[in-house]
Amino acid sequence: MKNKILSIGFLLILLSPKPAFTQTDYEKYHSALKAIKTGQEDFAFLDLLSLTKEDPQSKYRLVSLFACGEYYFHKFNYRQALNIFSEFIEDYPDSKIKPYALFYILKIAKSWKNAEMVEILENKIRDMKQVILVFKETNEYKYRYTSILGRKYKLIYHIDRVEFNVDGEIVEQVSY
C-alpha cells in the first residue's frame, strides 16, 4: 500500500505541467539581481537566459534578452551575441534600447570585417537619428539606459553623428 501511494505521488509529479520546484519569472529575475549584486554575473546569466527561453510573454524578457546579448558580447562569444541581439530587435522593434542592440551588432560586424553588414547597420542607425531629431530644435539628444548587468549606456545624437557610450566611454560612433 505504501509503495502504491509513493508510486502514484511520483507519477503525479512527473505528469504535472509545472513541477513544484520550478521558479516563477519573478523569482528568477530577482535571483539574477541578487547574483549580480554579489558579483556572480555567470549565475545571473543562467537565470536571465532561462527567462528568455521559457516565457515569451514575461515582463522580464526584454531586459533579460538584452542582458544575455551583452553578456555574450563581453565574453567574446560574438555569434551568440549576434543571435540574441537579432532576436531582441525582431521581438522588440519599438524598444527604446533597440539602438544599443544595433550598436552591439555593428561592433560585431566591424570585428568580423563585414563591410556590407557594417554599411547596413550604419544606415539603420542614421535613419533612427533622423526620426528622433526631425522634431527637435536643439542639435543634441541624449538617451540613457542602465542595464540589469550594471552597464551604463548613453546615446548622444549630434547634428553630424551619433555616439554610443558604455560606462562613460565612447565605444562607437556613426557619422552622417
Protein backbone atom coordinates (compact mmCIF):
# COMPACT_ATOMS: atom_id res chain seq x y z
CA MET A 1 0.00 0.00 0.00
CA LYS A 2 2.81 2.42 0.93
CA ASN A 3 4.61 1.67 -2.36
CA LYS A 4 1.38 2.26 -4.28
CA ILE A 5 0.93 5.70 -2.70
CA LEU A 6 4.57 6.63 -3.39
CA SER A 7 4.23 5.43 -6.98
CA ILE A 8 1.05 7.45 -7.51
CA GLY A 9 2.63 10.53 -5.93
CA PHE A 10 5.74 10.19 -8.08
CA LEU A 11 3.59 9.70 -11.19
CA LEU A 12 1.57 12.85 -10.37
CA ILE A 13 4.76 14.88 -10.02
CA LEU A 14 6.07 13.61 -13.35
CA LEU A 15 2.80 14.29 -15.15
CA SER A 16 2.11 17.72 -13.67
CA PRO A 17 2.57 20.51 -16.24
CA LYS A 18 4.66 22.68 -13.91
CA PRO A 19 6.78 20.87 -11.35
CA ALA A 20 6.68 22.23 -7.81
CA PHE A 21 10.39 23.12 -7.85
CA THR A 22 10.14 25.47 -10.84
CA GLN A 23 10.84 29.14 -10.09
CA THR A 24 8.49 31.87 -11.24
CA ASP A 25 9.71 34.61 -13.59
CA TYR A 26 9.73 37.00 -10.64
CA GLU A 27 11.90 34.62 -8.58
CA LYS A 28 14.35 34.07 -11.47
CA TYR A 29 14.63 37.77 -12.15
CA HIS A 30 15.29 38.62 -8.52
CA SER A 31 17.68 35.70 -8.21
CA ALA A 32 19.60 37.20 -11.14
CA LEU A 33 19.60 40.64 -9.49
CA LYS A 34 20.94 39.14 -6.28
CA ALA A 35 23.69 37.28 -8.17
CA ILE A 36 24.68 40.49 -9.96
CA LYS A 37 24.90 42.41 -6.69
CA THR A 38 27.25 39.75 -5.29
CA GLY A 39 29.45 39.78 -8.40
CA GLN A 40 28.23 36.44 -9.74
CA GLU A 41 27.41 37.50 -13.29
CA ASP A 42 27.67 33.93 -14.63
CA PHE A 43 24.93 32.72 -12.27
CA ALA A 44 22.81 35.74 -13.10
CA PHE A 45 23.21 34.95 -16.78
CA LEU A 46 21.77 31.45 -16.28
CA ASP A 47 18.61 32.87 -14.69
CA LEU A 48 18.30 35.56 -17.34
CA LEU A 49 18.79 33.10 -20.19
CA SER A 50 16.13 30.89 -18.67
CA LEU A 51 13.75 33.87 -18.60
CA THR A 52 14.30 34.50 -22.31
CA LYS A 53 13.53 30.91 -23.28
CA GLU A 54 10.68 29.79 -21.04
CA ASP A 55 8.05 32.52 -21.25
CA PRO A 56 7.96 34.76 -24.33
CA GLN A 57 5.31 36.91 -22.60
CA SER A 58 7.32 37.51 -19.42
CA LYS A 59 7.55 41.14 -18.37
CA TYR A 60 11.25 40.50 -17.63
CA ARG A 61 12.07 39.12 -21.07
CA LEU A 62 13.07 42.39 -22.76
CA VAL A 63 15.71 43.36 -20.19
CA SER A 64 16.81 39.72 -19.79
CA LEU A 65 17.27 39.24 -23.53
CA PHE A 66 19.33 42.42 -23.82
CA ALA A 67 21.43 41.41 -20.79
CA CYS A 68 22.12 37.98 -22.33
CA GLY A 69 23.30 39.67 -25.53
CA GLU A 70 25.65 41.97 -23.65
CA TYR A 71 26.88 39.05 -21.52
CA TYR A 72 27.78 37.03 -24.63
CA PHE A 73 29.39 40.10 -26.24
CA HIS A 74 31.60 40.80 -23.24
CA LYS A 75 32.59 37.11 -23.12
CA PHE A 76 33.68 37.47 -26.79
CA ASN A 77 31.03 34.99 -27.94
CA TYR A 78 30.02 37.21 -30.83
CA ARG A 79 27.99 34.59 -32.69
CA GLN A 80 25.66 34.08 -29.70
CA ALA A 81 25.58 37.83 -29.01
CA LEU A 82 24.53 38.44 -32.61
CA ASN A 83 21.78 35.82 -32.35
CA ILE A 84 20.46 37.30 -29.11
CA PHE A 85 20.59 40.93 -30.26
CA SER A 86 18.92 39.98 -33.57
CA GLU A 87 16.15 38.22 -31.65
CA PHE A 88 15.85 41.28 -29.41
CA ILE A 89 15.42 43.62 -32.39
CA GLU A 90 12.92 41.29 -34.04
CA ASP A 91 10.85 40.81 -30.89
CA TYR A 92 11.06 44.41 -29.65
CA PRO A 93 11.35 46.63 -32.74
CA ASP A 94 9.96 49.69 -30.93
CA SER A 95 12.05 49.37 -27.78
CA LYS A 96 13.91 52.46 -26.63
CA ILE A 97 17.01 50.31 -26.11
CA LYS A 98 16.98 48.92 -29.65
CA PRO A 99 19.74 51.37 -30.73
CA TYR A 100 22.10 49.81 -28.19
CA ALA A 101 21.46 46.36 -29.65
CA LEU A 102 22.16 47.79 -33.13
CA PHE A 103 25.44 49.27 -31.93
CA TYR A 104 26.50 45.94 -30.45
CA ILE A 105 25.74 44.24 -33.76
CA LEU A 106 27.69 47.00 -35.53
CA LYS A 107 30.71 46.31 -33.29
CA ILE A 108 30.43 42.60 -34.11
CA ALA A 109 30.23 43.33 -37.86
CA LYS A 110 33.32 45.53 -37.63
CA SER A 111 35.24 42.89 -35.69
CA TRP A 112 34.38 40.38 -38.43
CA LYS A 113 35.36 42.96 -41.07
CA ASN A 114 31.97 42.51 -42.76
CA ALA A 115 31.73 45.78 -44.74
CA GLU A 116 28.28 45.04 -46.16
CA MET A 117 26.81 44.38 -42.73
CA VAL A 118 28.55 47.49 -41.33
CA GLU A 119 27.01 49.67 -44.04
CA ILE A 120 23.51 48.27 -43.47
CA LEU A 121 23.75 48.83 -39.72
CA GLU A 122 25.16 52.34 -40.02
CA ASN A 123 22.27 53.23 -42.33
CA LYS A 124 19.75 51.86 -39.83
CA ILE A 125 21.36 53.93 -37.08
CA ARG A 126 21.35 57.04 -39.30
CA ASP A 127 17.66 56.52 -40.10
CA MET A 128 16.83 56.29 -36.40
CA LYS A 129 18.56 59.62 -35.76
CA GLN A 130 16.56 61.36 -38.45
CA VAL A 131 13.31 60.26 -36.85
CA ILE A 132 14.44 61.50 -33.43
CA LEU A 133 15.80 64.90 -34.49
CA VAL A 134 13.17 65.82 -37.05
CA PHE A 135 11.02 67.49 -34.39
CA LYS A 136 13.81 68.75 -32.12
CA GLU A 137 15.04 72.32 -32.10
CA THR A 138 18.38 71.51 -30.47
CA ASN A 139 21.40 69.89 -32.10
CA GLU A 140 21.88 67.22 -29.47
CA TYR A 141 19.69 64.50 -27.97
CA LYS A 142 20.80 62.15 -25.18
CA TYR A 143 19.27 58.86 -24.19
CA ARG A 144 20.49 56.87 -21.18
CA TYR A 145 19.92 53.30 -20.07
CA THR A 146 21.43 51.22 -17.27
CA SER A 147 21.27 47.50 -17.98
CA ILE A 148 20.45 44.86 -15.42
CA LEU A 149 24.14 43.90 -15.53
CA GLY A 150 25.01 47.42 -14.36
CA ARG A 151 26.47 48.84 -17.56
CA LYS A 152 25.59 52.49 -18.13
CA TYR A 153 24.71 53.29 -21.72
CA LYS A 154 24.29 56.66 -23.34
CA LEU A 155 23.46 57.59 -26.90
CA ILE A 156 24.24 61.12 -27.94
CA TYR A 157 22.69 62.22 -31.21
CA HIS A 158 24.63 65.20 -32.56
CA ILE A 159 23.78 67.08 -35.70
CA ASP A 160 26.57 65.23 -37.60
CA ARG A 161 26.98 61.91 -35.73
CA VAL A 162 25.64 59.57 -33.09
CA GLU A 163 27.89 58.37 -30.27
CA PHE A 164 27.48 55.11 -28.38
CA ASN A 165 28.86 55.34 -24.84
CA VAL A 166 29.31 52.49 -22.37
CA ASP A 167 30.29 53.34 -18.80
CA GLY A 168 31.33 56.86 -19.79
CA GLU A 169 33.49 55.88 -22.78
CA ILE A 170 32.70 56.40 -26.45
CA VAL A 171 32.89 52.90 -27.89
CA GLU A 172 31.43 53.58 -31.31
CA GLN A 173 30.13 56.40 -33.45
CA VAL A 174 28.38 56.77 -36.76
CA SER A 175 28.71 59.94 -38.82
CA TYR A 176 26.02 61.43 -41.03
